[in-house]
Protein backbone atom coordinates (compact mmCIF):
# COMPACT_ATOMS: atom_id res chain seq x y z
CA MET A 1 -21.56 -55.34 -2.29
CA ALA A 2 -19.85 -52.33 -2.29
CA ARG A 3 -20.44 -49.91 1.03
CA ARG A 4 -21.97 -46.66 0.22
CA ASP A 5 -19.89 -44.75 2.33
CA LEU A 6 -16.64 -45.65 0.49
CA ASN A 7 -18.15 -45.81 -3.09
CA PRO A 8 -17.89 -42.23 -4.84
CA HIS A 9 -20.16 -43.46 -7.76
CA TYR A 10 -22.84 -44.10 -5.34
CA ALA A 11 -25.85 -41.30 -5.99
CA GLY A 12 -26.30 -40.86 -2.12
CA VAL A 13 -22.84 -39.78 -1.37
CA VAL A 14 -22.20 -36.44 -0.48
CA ALA A 15 -18.93 -35.24 -2.06
CA ALA A 16 -16.34 -33.53 0.44
CA GLN A 17 -16.25 -29.83 -0.48
CA PRO A 18 -12.52 -28.59 -0.75
CA ARG A 19 -12.08 -26.13 2.13
CA GLN A 20 -11.94 -22.47 0.74
CA THR A 21 -8.95 -20.53 1.91
CA PRO A 22 -9.68 -17.52 3.97
CA THR A 23 -9.14 -14.12 2.20
CA LEU A 24 -7.84 -11.19 4.24
CA PRO A 25 -10.54 -8.48 4.70
CA TYR A 26 -9.45 -5.60 2.75
CA TYR A 27 -10.18 -3.11 5.44
CA VAL A 28 -7.15 -4.70 7.51
CA VAL A 29 -4.77 -3.98 4.31
CA SER A 30 -5.72 -0.09 4.57
CA ALA A 31 -5.39 -0.01 8.51
CA ILE A 32 -2.03 -1.68 8.09
CA ARG A 33 -0.88 0.84 5.91
CA SER A 34 -2.22 3.74 7.74
CA VAL A 35 -0.10 2.68 10.92
CA THR A 36 2.97 2.63 8.89
CA LEU A 37 2.36 5.80 6.99
CA LEU A 38 1.40 7.28 10.48
CA ILE A 39 4.52 6.26 12.20
CA THR A 40 6.62 7.56 9.71
CA GLY A 41 5.14 10.63 9.31
CA LEU A 42 5.44 11.42 12.96
CA VAL A 43 8.74 10.18 13.52
CA ILE A 44 9.65 13.07 10.74
CA THR A 45 7.86 15.36 12.18
CA PHE A 46 8.99 15.19 15.75
CA THR A 47 12.50 14.54 14.64
CA PRO A 48 14.75 17.93 14.45
CA GLY A 49 17.38 18.28 11.60
CA HIS A 50 16.07 17.12 8.26
CA SER A 51 19.46 16.60 6.41
CA ALA A 52 19.54 14.78 3.23
CA ARG A 53 20.97 11.51 5.17
CA PHE A 54 17.97 11.76 7.54
CA GLY A 55 15.75 11.84 4.52
CA LEU A 56 17.44 8.73 2.71
CA VAL A 57 16.98 6.67 6.19
CA ALA A 58 13.51 7.76 6.42
CA LEU A 59 12.44 7.06 2.82
CA GLY A 60 14.71 3.77 3.15
CA ILE A 61 12.96 2.46 6.26
CA LEU A 62 9.44 3.35 4.86
CA GLY A 63 9.99 1.65 1.46
CA VAL A 64 11.67 -1.47 3.06
CA VAL A 65 8.82 -1.82 5.82
CA ASN A 66 6.19 -0.88 3.19
CA ALA A 67 7.49 -3.63 1.06
CA VAL A 68 7.27 -6.33 3.61
CA GLY A 69 3.85 -5.23 4.73
CA LEU A 70 2.24 -4.80 1.54
CA GLY A 71 4.22 -8.17 0.26
CA LEU A 72 2.38 -10.16 3.28
CA VAL A 73 -1.20 -8.48 3.11
CA ALA A 74 -1.01 -9.37 -0.83
CA LEU A 75 -0.40 -12.99 -0.27
CA GLY A 76 -3.15 -13.05 2.22
CA LEU A 77 -5.45 -11.68 -0.84
CA SER A 78 -7.34 -13.90 -3.04
CA THR A 79 -5.60 -14.58 -6.54
CA ARG A 80 -8.76 -13.04 -8.05
CA GLU A 81 -8.31 -9.74 -6.21
CA THR A 82 -7.20 -6.69 -8.30
CA ALA A 83 -5.71 -5.25 -5.17
CA ARG A 84 -2.99 -8.48 -5.09
CA GLY A 85 -1.42 -7.14 -8.25
CA LEU A 86 -1.39 -3.72 -6.99
CA HIS A 87 0.21 -4.07 -4.11
CA LEU A 88 2.63 -6.89 -5.05
CA TRP A 89 4.07 -3.80 -7.69
CA GLN A 90 4.25 -1.71 -4.81
CA ALA A 91 6.00 -3.84 -2.89
CA LEU A 92 8.59 -4.52 -5.32
CA VAL A 93 9.13 -1.03 -6.14
CA SER A 94 9.22 -0.18 -2.47
CA LEU A 95 11.75 -2.50 -1.63
CA VAL A 96 14.05 -1.70 -4.48
CA VAL A 97 13.87 2.13 -3.69
CA GLY A 98 14.24 1.47 0.13
CA ALA A 99 17.33 -1.15 -0.17
CA LEU A 100 18.67 1.23 -2.50
CA VAL A 101 18.53 4.29 -0.44
CA LEU A 102 19.72 2.65 2.63
CA ALA A 103 22.75 1.10 1.01
CA LEU A 104 23.78 4.66 -0.18
CA GLN A 105 22.55 6.87 2.31
CA GLU A 106 25.72 9.25 2.16
CA ALA A 107 24.78 9.99 -1.23
CA GLY A 108 23.21 13.05 -0.35
CA MET A 109 20.37 15.42 -1.79
CA ILE A 110 20.37 14.52 -5.55
CA LEU A 111 19.54 10.86 -4.47
CA LEU A 112 16.98 11.70 -2.00
CA LEU A 113 15.00 13.82 -4.69
CA TRP A 114 15.36 11.19 -7.71
CA ALA A 115 14.49 8.18 -5.57
CA LEU A 116 11.57 9.97 -3.77
CA VAL A 117 10.23 11.27 -7.08
CA PHE A 118 10.91 7.76 -8.97
CA TRP A 119 9.27 5.87 -5.95
CA ALA A 120 6.09 8.21 -5.59
CA LEU A 121 5.31 8.45 -9.38
CA LEU A 122 5.64 4.80 -10.01
CA VAL A 123 3.47 3.38 -6.94
CA GLY A 124 0.82 6.52 -7.15
CA VAL A 125 0.34 6.09 -10.75
CA ALA A 126 -0.27 2.41 -10.56
CA GLU A 127 -2.71 2.93 -7.68
CA VAL A 128 -4.79 5.54 -9.70
CA PHE A 129 -4.56 3.19 -12.69
CA TYR A 130 -5.80 0.12 -11.03
CA GLY A 131 -8.69 2.49 -9.35
CA ALA A 132 -9.63 3.76 -12.51
CA ARG A 133 -10.41 0.09 -13.83
CA LEU A 134 -12.66 -0.53 -10.88
CA ALA A 135 -16.29 -0.29 -11.40
CA ARG A 136 -18.03 2.99 -10.33
CA GLY A 137 -19.62 2.92 -7.29
CA ASP A 138 -16.85 0.34 -5.76
CA ALA A 139 -15.40 2.04 -2.65
CA LEU A 140 -11.85 0.94 -3.43
CA ARG A 141 -11.80 3.07 -6.84
CA ARG A 142 -12.36 6.03 -4.90
CA ASP A 143 -9.74 5.01 -2.55
CA TRP A 144 -7.09 4.12 -4.83
CA ILE A 145 -7.73 7.40 -7.29
CA THR A 146 -7.27 9.45 -4.10
CA GLN A 147 -4.70 7.96 -2.55
CA GLY A 148 -2.72 7.46 -5.73
CA SER A 149 -3.01 10.94 -6.69
CA MET A 150 -1.97 12.56 -3.21
CA THR A 151 1.33 10.35 -4.06
CA VAL A 152 1.76 11.45 -7.54
CA VAL A 153 1.35 15.13 -6.34
CA LEU A 154 3.95 14.42 -3.62
CA GLY A 155 6.49 13.36 -6.34
CA LEU A 156 5.48 16.32 -8.58
CA VAL A 157 6.09 18.70 -5.82
CA VAL A 158 9.33 17.28 -5.29
CA LEU A 159 10.33 17.18 -8.78
CA PHE A 160 9.96 21.07 -8.67
CA GLN A 161 11.38 21.96 -5.28
CA PRO A 162 14.85 23.27 -5.14
CA ALA A 163 17.68 21.07 -3.45
CA ASP A 164 16.51 21.86 0.22
CA SER A 165 16.51 18.96 2.44
CA VAL A 166 14.38 20.47 4.96
CA ALA A 167 11.24 21.19 2.81
CA VAL A 168 11.60 17.71 0.86
CA VAL A 169 11.57 15.73 4.00
CA GLY A 170 9.18 17.85 5.43
CA PHE A 171 6.85 17.19 2.51
CA LEU A 172 7.40 13.51 3.02
CA GLY A 173 6.35 13.73 6.66
CA ALA A 174 3.33 15.76 5.57
CA TRP A 175 2.32 13.53 2.99
CA ALA A 176 2.72 10.57 5.28
CA ILE A 177 0.49 11.67 8.01
CA VAL A 178 -2.25 13.07 5.57
CA GLN A 179 -2.23 9.80 3.76
CA GLY A 180 -2.15 7.88 6.75
CA VAL A 181 -5.41 9.51 8.01
CA TYR A 182 -6.71 9.09 4.82
CA MET A 183 -6.32 5.19 4.82
CA ALA A 184 -7.72 5.00 8.45
CA ILE A 185 -10.82 6.58 7.72
CA ALA A 186 -10.93 4.33 4.38
CA SER A 187 -10.45 1.27 6.75
CA VAL A 188 -13.29 2.26 9.03
CA ALA A 189 -15.36 3.18 6.06
CA LEU A 190 -14.72 -0.33 4.75
CA ARG A 191 -15.41 -2.28 8.05
CA PHE A 192 -18.78 -0.47 8.80
CA PRO A 193 -19.85 0.44 5.32
CA THR A 194 -22.87 2.48 4.78
CA THR A 195 -24.25 0.92 1.54
CA PRO A 196 -23.46 -2.39 0.03
CA LYS A 197 -21.26 -1.21 -2.71
CA ASP A 198 -18.79 0.09 0.15
CA HIS A 199 -18.21 -3.28 1.36
CA PRO A 200 -17.16 -5.30 -1.72
CA HIS A 201 -13.52 -6.95 -0.73
CA ASP A 202 -14.45 -8.89 2.46
């Protein structure tokens, strides 16, 4: 007679349920992005001499650190999360641009202008696009559209800015601080939602 506990066909046996892989709460993602941006913005703000080379180094470090951070948090999200695809794309763009400007940091103002515009438009438009695809009332829809729009505005402002390294680097620093503060607020709002709709991704 087959033992009940070893026979998977016995009706009384409770099949072992597969363990669910824990996913990263999205407020952690916003918090990580916020810290990265705030540090970048404060370093730029309190560093004198905003030369083109300094701007390229700042953009390069921001891009590489952003890429590593976004790549890691994206891998911690469920494969069904819309955020996973968005952040993997942002990580890829940030890595390419960051590595390029660090390798060519002596290239000067032209590279700084076009690298910053290229990066800001690609990551910003993607965030707006992904946000617009989310359901109305989803907290991330509001956050992604706002964050993406601010990044797109940065790219457009720099695009029409004369070749002034002080102004361009200053815009990057100001954007990083404003964006970082917004993401910190968004992280707190996701962690302590006031309505059920504000907590959809934990």
